[in-house]
């Protein structure tokens, strides 16, 4: 069975974006890649909510051309770039089915609502969190309104000179 992996940057106070979805507080990938290249080799599909898709589109050229990109939205009239597929069915049921197919791991890119939904359904197999040494105060929560406790094992960690700390958690 394929694994669903959450790989995401978060502020120390648990925010994944500013209230306006801005991610200008993230350090540039040019300095360190924070395990990104290795992680990208391990996945062949990406799932995200529509707001996260809009953030990605706003960054310029679609960076995930060689990956199956699935975007969740309740609105069936959303228009996407040809490299992305609109998913209007229940995210929990879709992920359950996708995990049963052949392939590499699946990257849960964001955002908070989808993360919380899939966490509460027990579908996230690995949590890879890059803690950025900043406190945003306001913003979009990493785990908004979750209801389910998940005990995890720390399998690996990496501390970078700029203070970013990458934690790899998996289920026992």
N, C-alpha and C. Protein backbone atom coordinates (compact mmCIF):
# COMPACT_ATOMS: atom_id res chain seq x y z
N UNK A 1 0.85 -1.19 0.00
CA UNK A 1 0.00 0.00 0.00
C UNK A 1 0.89 1.25 0.00
N UNK A 2 0.49 2.24 -0.79
CA UNK A 2 1.23 3.50 -0.85
C UNK A 2 1.07 4.28 0.45
N UNK A 3 2.08 5.06 0.76
CA UNK A 3 2.03 5.91 1.95
C UNK A 3 1.63 7.33 1.57
N UNK A 4 0.88 7.96 2.47
CA UNK A 4 0.57 9.38 2.36
C UNK A 4 1.49 10.11 3.31
N UNK A 5 2.32 11.02 2.77
CA UNK A 5 3.30 11.74 3.57
C UNK A 5 3.02 13.23 3.56
N UNK A 6 2.92 13.79 4.75
CA UNK A 6 2.82 15.24 4.89
C UNK A 6 4.24 15.79 5.00
N UNK A 7 4.63 16.63 4.06
CA UNK A 7 5.94 17.30 4.09
C UNK A 7 5.63 18.78 3.97
N UNK A 8 5.88 19.53 5.04
CA UNK A 8 5.44 20.92 5.06
C UNK A 8 6.29 21.74 6.02
N UNK A 9 6.39 23.02 5.71
CA UNK A 9 7.07 23.97 6.60
C UNK A 9 6.03 24.61 7.50
N UNK A 10 6.43 24.85 8.73
CA UNK A 10 5.54 25.48 9.70
C UNK A 10 6.34 26.45 10.56
N UNK A 11 5.68 27.49 10.99
CA UNK A 11 6.30 28.42 11.94
C UNK A 11 6.33 27.76 13.31
N UNK A 12 7.06 28.34 14.24
CA UNK A 12 7.10 27.77 15.58
C UNK A 12 5.74 27.77 16.26
N UNK A 13 4.86 28.69 15.86
CA UNK A 13 3.53 28.72 16.44
C UNK A 13 2.50 27.97 15.59
N UNK A 14 2.97 27.09 14.71
CA UNK A 14 2.09 26.17 14.00
C UNK A 14 1.32 26.75 12.83
N UNK A 15 1.86 27.77 12.19
CA UNK A 15 1.21 28.36 11.02
C UNK A 15 1.92 27.90 9.74
N UNK A 16 1.14 27.66 8.68
CA UNK A 16 1.72 27.25 7.40
C UNK A 16 1.67 28.36 6.37
N UNK A 17 0.99 29.43 6.68
CA UNK A 17 0.91 30.60 5.80
C UNK A 17 0.35 31.77 6.59
N UNK A 18 0.55 32.95 6.06
CA UNK A 18 -0.07 34.14 6.65
C UNK A 18 -1.59 34.09 6.41
N UNK A 19 -2.37 34.97 7.05
CA UNK A 19 -3.82 34.96 6.83
C UNK A 19 -4.22 35.14 5.35
N UNK A 20 -3.38 35.82 4.58
CA UNK A 20 -3.67 36.04 3.15
C UNK A 20 -3.03 34.97 2.27
N UNK A 21 -2.62 33.84 2.86
CA UNK A 21 -1.98 32.69 2.19
C UNK A 21 -0.54 32.94 1.79
N UNK A 22 0.05 34.09 2.16
CA UNK A 22 1.43 34.40 1.79
C UNK A 22 2.41 33.49 2.54
N UNK A 23 3.45 33.09 1.82
CA UNK A 23 4.51 32.25 2.40
C UNK A 23 5.87 32.94 2.29
N UNK A 24 5.85 34.27 2.30
CA UNK A 24 7.06 35.07 2.15
C UNK A 24 8.03 34.93 3.31
N UNK A 25 7.62 34.31 4.39
CA UNK A 25 8.45 34.11 5.57
C UNK A 25 9.32 32.86 5.48
N UNK A 26 9.10 32.05 4.44
CA UNK A 26 9.90 30.83 4.27
C UNK A 26 11.29 31.17 3.77
N UNK A 27 12.31 30.47 4.27
CA UNK A 27 13.66 30.72 3.75
C UNK A 27 13.79 30.19 2.33
N UNK A 28 14.67 30.77 1.53
CA UNK A 28 14.83 30.31 0.14
C UNK A 28 15.44 28.91 0.09
N UNK A 29 15.02 28.12 -0.91
CA UNK A 29 15.57 26.78 -1.07
C UNK A 29 16.99 26.79 -1.63
N UNK A 30 17.45 27.93 -2.11
CA UNK A 30 18.79 28.00 -2.68
C UNK A 30 19.87 27.75 -1.62
N UNK A 31 19.61 28.15 -0.39
CA UNK A 31 20.59 28.00 0.68
C UNK A 31 20.73 26.53 1.10
N UNK A 32 19.62 25.89 1.38
CA UNK A 32 19.55 24.47 1.74
C UNK A 32 18.32 23.90 1.05
N UNK A 33 18.33 22.62 0.78
CA UNK A 33 17.13 22.06 0.14
C UNK A 33 16.21 21.36 1.15
N UNK A 34 16.64 21.25 2.42
CA UNK A 34 15.82 20.73 3.50
C UNK A 34 15.24 19.34 3.18
N UNK A 35 16.03 18.52 2.50
CA UNK A 35 15.58 17.17 2.17
C UNK A 35 14.60 17.10 1.03
N UNK A 36 14.34 18.24 0.38
CA UNK A 36 13.31 18.33 -0.65
C UNK A 36 13.61 17.42 -1.85
N UNK A 37 14.82 17.45 -2.38
CA UNK A 37 15.15 16.67 -3.57
C UNK A 37 14.98 15.17 -3.29
N UNK A 38 15.49 14.73 -2.16
CA UNK A 38 15.35 13.31 -1.79
C UNK A 38 13.87 12.95 -1.61
N UNK A 39 13.13 13.83 -0.95
CA UNK A 39 11.70 13.59 -0.76
C UNK A 39 10.98 13.50 -2.09
N UNK A 40 11.27 14.40 -3.01
CA UNK A 40 10.59 14.42 -4.31
C UNK A 40 10.85 13.14 -5.10
N UNK A 41 12.00 12.52 -4.91
CA UNK A 41 12.29 11.25 -5.57
C UNK A 41 11.42 10.12 -5.02
N UNK A 42 10.92 10.29 -3.81
CA UNK A 42 10.15 9.22 -3.16
C UNK A 42 8.65 9.29 -3.47
N UNK A 43 8.20 10.35 -4.15
CA UNK A 43 6.77 10.51 -4.43
C UNK A 43 6.52 10.60 -5.93
N UNK A 44 5.32 10.16 -6.33
CA UNK A 44 4.94 10.34 -7.73
C UNK A 44 3.55 10.95 -7.87
N UNK A 45 2.96 11.32 -6.72
CA UNK A 45 1.65 11.97 -6.73
C UNK A 45 1.62 13.02 -5.63
N UNK A 46 0.88 14.09 -5.90
CA UNK A 46 0.74 15.20 -4.95
C UNK A 46 -0.74 15.51 -4.80
N UNK A 47 -1.19 15.68 -3.56
CA UNK A 47 -2.57 16.07 -3.31
C UNK A 47 -2.57 17.36 -2.51
N UNK A 48 -3.53 18.22 -2.81
CA UNK A 48 -3.60 19.53 -2.15
C UNK A 48 -5.01 20.08 -2.24
N UNK A 49 -5.29 21.07 -1.40
CA UNK A 49 -6.53 21.80 -1.49
C UNK A 49 -6.41 22.90 -2.54
N UNK A 50 -7.55 23.48 -2.90
CA UNK A 50 -7.57 24.48 -3.96
C UNK A 50 -6.80 25.75 -3.58
N UNK A 51 -6.87 26.16 -2.32
CA UNK A 51 -6.12 27.36 -1.90
C UNK A 51 -4.62 27.14 -2.05
N UNK A 52 -4.14 25.95 -1.71
CA UNK A 52 -2.73 25.63 -1.88
C UNK A 52 -2.36 25.63 -3.36
N UNK A 53 -3.24 25.10 -4.18
CA UNK A 53 -3.04 25.13 -5.63
C UNK A 53 -2.86 26.58 -6.12
N UNK A 54 -3.71 27.47 -5.63
CA UNK A 54 -3.61 28.88 -6.04
C UNK A 54 -2.27 29.49 -5.64
N UNK A 55 -1.77 29.13 -4.45
CA UNK A 55 -0.46 29.62 -4.01
C UNK A 55 0.62 29.09 -4.96
N UNK A 56 0.56 27.81 -5.29
CA UNK A 56 1.55 27.20 -6.19
C UNK A 56 1.52 27.86 -7.57
N UNK A 57 0.35 28.11 -8.10
CA UNK A 57 0.22 28.76 -9.41
C UNK A 57 0.82 30.16 -9.36
N UNK A 58 0.65 30.84 -8.24
CA UNK A 58 1.17 32.20 -8.09
C UNK A 58 2.68 32.27 -8.04
N UNK A 59 3.35 31.14 -7.86
CA UNK A 59 4.82 31.11 -7.79
C UNK A 59 5.47 31.05 -9.17
N UNK A 60 4.65 30.89 -10.21
CA UNK A 60 5.21 30.82 -11.57
C UNK A 60 4.95 29.48 -12.21
N UNK A 61 5.93 28.97 -12.95
CA UNK A 61 5.79 27.70 -13.67
C UNK A 61 5.48 26.57 -12.69
N UNK A 62 4.58 25.68 -13.11
CA UNK A 62 4.16 24.56 -12.27
C UNK A 62 5.36 23.66 -11.96
N UNK A 63 5.72 23.54 -10.69
CA UNK A 63 6.95 22.82 -10.34
C UNK A 63 6.81 21.29 -10.28
N UNK A 64 5.61 20.77 -10.47
CA UNK A 64 5.37 19.34 -10.26
C UNK A 64 4.96 18.63 -11.55
N UNK A 65 5.53 19.02 -12.67
CA UNK A 65 5.12 18.49 -13.98
C UNK A 65 5.28 16.98 -14.10
N UNK A 66 6.25 16.40 -13.41
CA UNK A 66 6.47 14.96 -13.53
C UNK A 66 5.73 14.16 -12.46
N UNK A 67 4.81 14.80 -11.74
CA UNK A 67 4.02 14.14 -10.69
C UNK A 67 2.54 14.27 -11.01
N UNK A 68 1.76 13.27 -10.65
CA UNK A 68 0.31 13.38 -10.76
C UNK A 68 -0.14 14.37 -9.68
N UNK A 69 -0.78 15.45 -10.09
CA UNK A 69 -1.19 16.51 -9.16
C UNK A 69 -2.71 16.53 -9.04
N UNK A 70 -3.21 16.29 -7.84
CA UNK A 70 -4.64 16.23 -7.58
C UNK A 70 -5.03 17.39 -6.67
N UNK A 71 -6.03 18.15 -7.09
CA UNK A 71 -6.46 19.34 -6.36
C UNK A 71 -7.90 19.13 -5.90
N UNK A 72 -8.12 19.20 -4.58
CA UNK A 72 -9.46 19.03 -4.02
C UNK A 72 -10.23 20.34 -4.03
N UNK A 73 -11.47 20.26 -4.46
CA UNK A 73 -12.38 21.40 -4.38
C UNK A 73 -13.81 20.88 -4.39
N UNK A 74 -14.67 21.55 -3.65
CA UNK A 74 -16.09 21.20 -3.68
C UNK A 74 -16.77 21.78 -4.93
N UNK A 75 -16.10 22.73 -5.57
CA UNK A 75 -16.67 23.41 -6.74
C UNK A 75 -16.23 22.70 -8.02
N UNK A 76 -17.15 22.01 -8.71
CA UNK A 76 -16.78 21.28 -9.93
C UNK A 76 -16.45 22.18 -11.12
N UNK A 77 -16.70 23.48 -11.00
CA UNK A 77 -16.44 24.41 -12.10
C UNK A 77 -15.06 25.05 -12.03
N UNK A 78 -14.24 24.66 -11.08
CA UNK A 78 -12.88 25.22 -10.97
C UNK A 78 -12.09 24.87 -12.23
N UNK A 79 -11.34 25.82 -12.71
CA UNK A 79 -10.46 25.61 -13.86
C UNK A 79 -9.03 25.44 -13.37
N UNK A 80 -8.36 24.40 -13.85
CA UNK A 80 -6.99 24.11 -13.45
C UNK A 80 -6.10 24.06 -14.68
N UNK A 81 -4.80 24.14 -14.44
CA UNK A 81 -3.84 23.97 -15.52
C UNK A 81 -3.91 22.51 -15.98
N UNK A 82 -3.47 22.21 -17.21
CA UNK A 82 -3.56 20.82 -17.70
C UNK A 82 -2.78 19.80 -16.87
N UNK A 83 -1.75 20.23 -16.16
CA UNK A 83 -0.94 19.31 -15.36
C UNK A 83 -1.61 18.86 -14.06
N UNK A 84 -2.74 19.46 -13.71
CA UNK A 84 -3.43 19.15 -12.46
C UNK A 84 -4.82 18.60 -12.74
N UNK A 85 -5.27 17.75 -11.83
CA UNK A 85 -6.59 17.13 -11.96
C UNK A 85 -7.48 17.61 -10.82
N UNK A 86 -8.68 18.06 -11.14
CA UNK A 86 -9.64 18.50 -10.14
C UNK A 86 -10.33 17.28 -9.53
N UNK A 87 -10.36 17.21 -8.21
CA UNK A 87 -11.00 16.12 -7.48
C UNK A 87 -12.13 16.72 -6.65
N UNK A 88 -13.37 16.36 -6.97
CA UNK A 88 -14.52 16.89 -6.24
C UNK A 88 -15.12 15.87 -5.28
N UNK A 89 -14.64 14.64 -5.32
CA UNK A 89 -15.16 13.63 -4.39
C UNK A 89 -14.56 13.84 -3.01
N UNK A 90 -15.11 13.15 -2.03
CA UNK A 90 -14.67 13.23 -0.66
C UNK A 90 -13.18 12.91 -0.58
N UNK A 91 -12.35 13.81 0.00
CA UNK A 91 -10.91 13.57 0.07
C UNK A 91 -10.53 12.28 0.80
N UNK A 92 -11.24 11.94 1.85
CA UNK A 92 -10.93 10.72 2.61
C UNK A 92 -11.11 9.49 1.71
N UNK A 93 -12.23 9.41 1.02
CA UNK A 93 -12.49 8.26 0.14
C UNK A 93 -11.50 8.23 -1.02
N UNK A 94 -11.20 9.40 -1.58
CA UNK A 94 -10.25 9.47 -2.69
C UNK A 94 -8.88 8.96 -2.26
N UNK A 95 -8.40 9.41 -1.10
CA UNK A 95 -7.07 9.00 -0.62
C UNK A 95 -7.06 7.51 -0.29
N UNK A 96 -8.11 7.01 0.30
CA UNK A 96 -8.18 5.56 0.56
C UNK A 96 -8.00 4.77 -0.73
N UNK A 97 -8.67 5.20 -1.79
CA UNK A 97 -8.56 4.52 -3.08
C UNK A 97 -7.18 4.71 -3.69
N UNK A 98 -6.65 5.92 -3.62
CA UNK A 98 -5.34 6.21 -4.21
C UNK A 98 -4.24 5.40 -3.52
N UNK A 99 -4.33 5.24 -2.23
CA UNK A 99 -3.33 4.47 -1.50
C UNK A 99 -3.30 3.00 -1.92
N UNK A 100 -4.39 2.52 -2.47
CA UNK A 100 -4.48 1.12 -2.92
C UNK A 100 -3.89 0.89 -4.31
N UNK A 101 -3.56 1.96 -5.02
CA UNK A 101 -3.01 1.84 -6.37
C UNK A 101 -1.50 1.64 -6.31
N UNK A 102 -0.93 1.22 -7.42
CA UNK A 102 0.51 1.05 -7.52
C UNK A 102 1.19 2.41 -7.66
N UNK A 103 2.38 2.51 -7.11
CA UNK A 103 3.15 3.74 -7.27
C UNK A 103 3.99 4.03 -6.04
N UNK A 104 4.64 5.16 -6.09
CA UNK A 104 5.46 5.64 -4.98
C UNK A 104 4.56 6.29 -3.94
N UNK A 105 5.18 6.95 -2.98
CA UNK A 105 4.42 7.64 -1.93
C UNK A 105 3.64 8.81 -2.52
N UNK A 106 2.68 9.29 -1.75
CA UNK A 106 1.82 10.42 -2.13
C UNK A 106 2.15 11.57 -1.19
N UNK A 107 2.39 12.75 -1.76
CA UNK A 107 2.72 13.93 -0.97
C UNK A 107 1.46 14.71 -0.67
N UNK A 108 1.17 14.88 0.60
CA UNK A 108 0.11 15.77 1.06
C UNK A 108 0.74 17.15 1.23
N UNK A 109 0.53 18.01 0.26
CA UNK A 109 1.17 19.33 0.22
C UNK A 109 0.48 20.34 1.13
N UNK A 110 -0.81 20.28 1.25
CA UNK A 110 -1.55 21.23 2.08
C UNK A 110 -2.90 21.48 1.47
N UNK A 111 -3.67 22.32 2.01
CA UNK A 111 -3.49 23.14 3.17
C UNK A 111 -4.10 22.55 4.42
N UNK A 112 -4.28 23.45 5.38
CA UNK A 112 -4.67 23.05 6.71
C UNK A 112 -5.95 22.25 6.80
N UNK A 113 -6.98 22.63 6.04
CA UNK A 113 -8.25 21.91 6.11
C UNK A 113 -8.11 20.47 5.65
N UNK A 114 -7.42 20.26 4.55
CA UNK A 114 -7.21 18.91 4.02
C UNK A 114 -6.32 18.11 4.97
N UNK A 115 -5.29 18.76 5.51
CA UNK A 115 -4.40 18.08 6.46
C UNK A 115 -5.20 17.59 7.66
N UNK A 116 -6.02 18.47 8.24
CA UNK A 116 -6.81 18.09 9.42
C UNK A 116 -7.78 16.96 9.10
N UNK A 117 -8.43 17.03 7.97
CA UNK A 117 -9.38 16.01 7.55
C UNK A 117 -8.71 14.64 7.41
N UNK A 118 -7.56 14.62 6.72
CA UNK A 118 -6.86 13.35 6.49
C UNK A 118 -6.17 12.84 7.76
N UNK A 119 -5.73 13.77 8.61
CA UNK A 119 -5.18 13.37 9.91
C UNK A 119 -6.26 12.68 10.74
N UNK A 120 -7.42 13.33 10.87
CA UNK A 120 -8.49 12.77 11.68
C UNK A 120 -8.99 11.44 11.15
N UNK A 121 -8.84 11.21 9.85
CA UNK A 121 -9.22 9.93 9.25
C UNK A 121 -8.12 8.87 9.42
N UNK A 122 -6.98 9.26 9.99
CA UNK A 122 -5.89 8.32 10.22
C UNK A 122 -5.15 7.90 8.96
N UNK A 123 -5.19 8.73 7.93
CA UNK A 123 -4.62 8.35 6.63
C UNK A 123 -3.19 8.84 6.40
N UNK A 124 -2.68 9.73 7.25
CA UNK A 124 -1.31 10.23 7.06
C UNK A 124 -0.35 9.23 7.70
N UNK A 125 0.57 8.73 6.89
CA UNK A 125 1.52 7.71 7.36
C UNK A 125 2.82 8.30 7.89
N UNK A 126 3.21 9.46 7.40
CA UNK A 126 4.45 10.10 7.83
C UNK A 126 4.24 11.61 7.88
N UNK A 127 4.82 12.23 8.90
CA UNK A 127 4.75 13.67 9.09
C UNK A 127 6.17 14.20 9.03
N UNK A 128 6.50 14.96 7.99
CA UNK A 128 7.82 15.55 7.84
C UNK A 128 7.63 17.06 7.97
N UNK A 129 8.06 17.59 9.09
CA UNK A 129 7.80 18.98 9.42
C UNK A 129 9.09 19.77 9.50
N UNK A 130 9.15 20.85 8.73
CA UNK A 130 10.29 21.77 8.77
C UNK A 130 9.87 22.96 9.62
N UNK A 131 10.40 23.03 10.83
CA UNK A 131 10.09 24.16 11.71
C UNK A 131 11.01 25.32 11.36
N UNK A 132 10.38 26.44 11.00
CA UNK A 132 11.10 27.66 10.64
C UNK A 132 11.15 28.54 11.88
N UNK A 133 12.32 29.08 12.23
CA UNK A 133 12.43 29.87 13.46
C UNK A 133 11.80 31.26 13.34
N UNK A 134 10.49 31.26 13.26
CA UNK A 134 9.72 32.50 13.21
C UNK A 134 8.38 32.24 13.91
N UNK A 135 7.87 33.25 14.58
CA UNK A 135 6.53 33.19 15.17
C UNK A 135 5.68 34.20 14.40
N UNK A 136 4.67 33.70 13.70
CA UNK A 136 3.85 34.57 12.84
C UNK A 136 2.71 35.25 13.60
N UNK A 137 2.22 34.62 14.65
CA UNK A 137 1.08 35.20 15.35
C UNK A 137 -0.22 34.83 14.67
N UNK A 138 -0.52 35.48 13.57
CA UNK A 138 -1.73 35.17 12.82
C UNK A 138 -1.35 34.32 11.61
N UNK A 139 -2.31 33.51 11.17
CA UNK A 139 -2.06 32.73 9.97
C UNK A 139 -2.91 31.49 9.90
N UNK A 140 -2.63 30.70 8.89
CA UNK A 140 -3.36 29.46 8.64
C UNK A 140 -2.70 28.36 9.47
N UNK A 141 -3.51 27.70 10.26
CA UNK A 141 -3.02 26.66 11.17
C UNK A 141 -2.60 25.41 10.41
N UNK A 142 -1.58 24.75 10.91
CA UNK A 142 -1.15 23.48 10.36
C UNK A 142 -2.20 22.40 10.60
N UNK A 143 -2.74 22.33 11.79
CA UNK A 143 -3.74 21.32 12.15
C UNK A 143 -4.99 22.00 12.72
N UNK A 144 -5.75 22.72 11.90
CA UNK A 144 -6.90 23.45 12.45
C UNK A 144 -8.02 22.51 12.92
N UNK A 145 -8.33 22.60 14.18
CA UNK A 145 -9.49 21.89 14.73
C UNK A 145 -9.41 20.37 14.70
N UNK A 146 -8.19 19.81 14.74
CA UNK A 146 -8.12 18.34 14.72
C UNK A 146 -8.76 17.76 15.97
N UNK A 147 -9.26 16.54 15.84
CA UNK A 147 -9.99 15.89 16.93
C UNK A 147 -9.32 14.60 17.38
N UNK A 148 -8.33 14.14 16.66
CA UNK A 148 -7.77 12.81 16.89
C UNK A 148 -6.30 12.90 17.34
N UNK A 149 -5.99 12.22 18.40
CA UNK A 149 -4.60 12.12 18.85
C UNK A 149 -3.88 11.10 17.98
N UNK A 150 -2.63 11.39 17.65
CA UNK A 150 -1.79 10.46 16.89
C UNK A 150 -0.44 10.40 17.57
N UNK A 151 -0.07 9.25 18.11
CA UNK A 151 1.25 9.08 18.69
C UNK A 151 2.22 8.72 17.57
N UNK A 152 3.37 9.39 17.57
CA UNK A 152 4.33 9.22 16.49
C UNK A 152 5.71 8.90 17.03
N UNK A 153 6.53 8.32 16.18
CA UNK A 153 7.94 8.08 16.48
C UNK A 153 8.78 9.07 15.70
N UNK A 154 9.77 9.66 16.36
CA UNK A 154 10.74 10.50 15.67
C UNK A 154 11.77 9.56 15.06
N UNK A 155 11.79 9.48 13.72
CA UNK A 155 12.71 8.55 13.05
C UNK A 155 14.01 9.22 12.62
N UNK A 156 13.98 10.56 12.48
CA UNK A 156 15.16 11.27 12.00
C UNK A 156 14.94 12.76 12.24
N UNK A 157 16.02 13.50 12.38
CA UNK A 157 15.91 14.96 12.43
C UNK A 157 17.19 15.57 11.88
N UNK A 158 17.06 16.80 11.42
CA UNK A 158 18.19 17.54 10.86
C UNK A 158 18.07 18.99 11.29
N UNK A 159 19.14 19.54 11.84
CA UNK A 159 19.16 20.94 12.23
C UNK A 159 20.10 21.68 11.28
N UNK A 160 19.62 22.75 10.70
CA UNK A 160 20.41 23.55 9.75
C UNK A 160 20.97 24.78 10.45
N UNK A 161 22.05 25.33 9.90
CA UNK A 161 22.73 26.48 10.51
C UNK A 161 21.82 27.70 10.64
N UNK A 162 20.82 27.82 9.78
CA UNK A 162 19.92 28.97 9.84
C UNK A 162 18.79 28.78 10.85
N UNK A 163 18.81 27.66 11.59
CA UNK A 163 17.81 27.43 12.62
C UNK A 163 16.64 26.56 12.20
N UNK A 164 16.49 26.32 10.91
CA UNK A 164 15.43 25.43 10.45
C UNK A 164 15.73 24.03 10.98
N UNK A 165 14.70 23.39 11.51
CA UNK A 165 14.84 22.02 12.03
C UNK A 165 13.81 21.14 11.34
N UNK A 166 14.30 20.08 10.72
CA UNK A 166 13.45 19.15 9.98
C UNK A 166 13.25 17.90 10.82
N UNK A 167 12.00 17.56 11.09
CA UNK A 167 11.66 16.38 11.88
C UNK A 167 10.91 15.38 11.00
N UNK A 168 11.31 14.12 11.09
CA UNK A 168 10.65 13.02 10.38
C UNK A 168 9.95 12.15 11.42
N UNK A 169 8.63 12.12 11.36
CA UNK A 169 7.84 11.32 12.28
C UNK A 169 7.08 10.25 11.48
N UNK A 170 6.98 9.06 12.05
CA UNK A 170 6.15 8.05 11.44
C UNK A 170 5.35 7.36 12.52
N UNK A 171 4.41 6.53 12.10
CA UNK A 171 3.57 5.82 13.06
C UNK A 171 4.33 4.64 13.64
N UNK A 172 4.08 4.33 14.92
CA UNK A 172 4.76 3.19 15.56
C UNK A 172 4.38 1.87 14.91
